[in-house]
Amino acid sequence: MLITGSRKGIGRYLAEYYLKQGYTVAGCSREASDLQDGHYKHYCVDIADEAQVKKVFIDLQKSFGTLDVLINNAGIASMNNLLLTPVKTVQQILNTNVVGTFLFCRESAKLMMKNKTGRIVNFTTVATPLQLEGEAIYAASKAAIVNLTQIMAKEFSPYGITVNAVGPCPVQTDLIKSVPKEKIDAIISKQSIHRLGEFKDVSNVIDFFISKDSNFVTGQTIYLGGIS
């Protein structure tokens, strides 16, 4: 299994969770990880840098030979009114959230297709269907992920690869640490279930997507908290 953005937050939880499930896990982030486990390998990489990403996959193939699951967790956000959003922020968000996801999906599929099986799970967000003010670029980047997921599901299906997406509601991570409480409360009030998401809510959806019995489920996005 390969998990992007595995140094902290949801990604770190998923790395530890799937190690306990018996997976050999590779993770990556811009900085080094302190996760110590004999079945874990960490790569320091800019996920939007094609040359760096290709080096990761060359090493992955040498080290493990194949890849069964990709979890595209890495992502960044910025809450700004569109009129106050600098283009540098736009480029950073699109590079990480869209280009990074695209690169890891493409390179993972090349490994998976050799065995005619594989599971890819991408991350979107409830900010997209809720069309949240102040998150235009972040929501747009994740809307692109939903569309990518749907099209890749069709293109990769002949190789036995499923591609799905999970859309968390606010979860207590660094991503929302700087967001005012009233804004988080406003988002939660729009959910059918009025609470913050938990890490286990996310892994529950991923467990379903990567199950061997889910080989007929592809191109789907599940939003948490009762958002549609």
Foldseek 3Di string as FASTA:
>chain_A
DEEEPCQDDLNVVVVVVVVVVVAQYEYEELDDHPDDDPSYHYDNDQLLDLVRLVVVLVVCCVVPVAAAEYEYDDFAFFFAAPVPDDVVNLVVRLSGLPSSLVSVVVSNLVRQLVVLAHEYEYEAALCQLVVDGRGPSNNVSRVVVLVVQQVVQVVSVRSLYAGEYEHEQAAPDPRCPPPDPVVSQVSLVPFPARDHDYSVVVVVVVCCRSDPVNSVDHSYYHYPRHRD
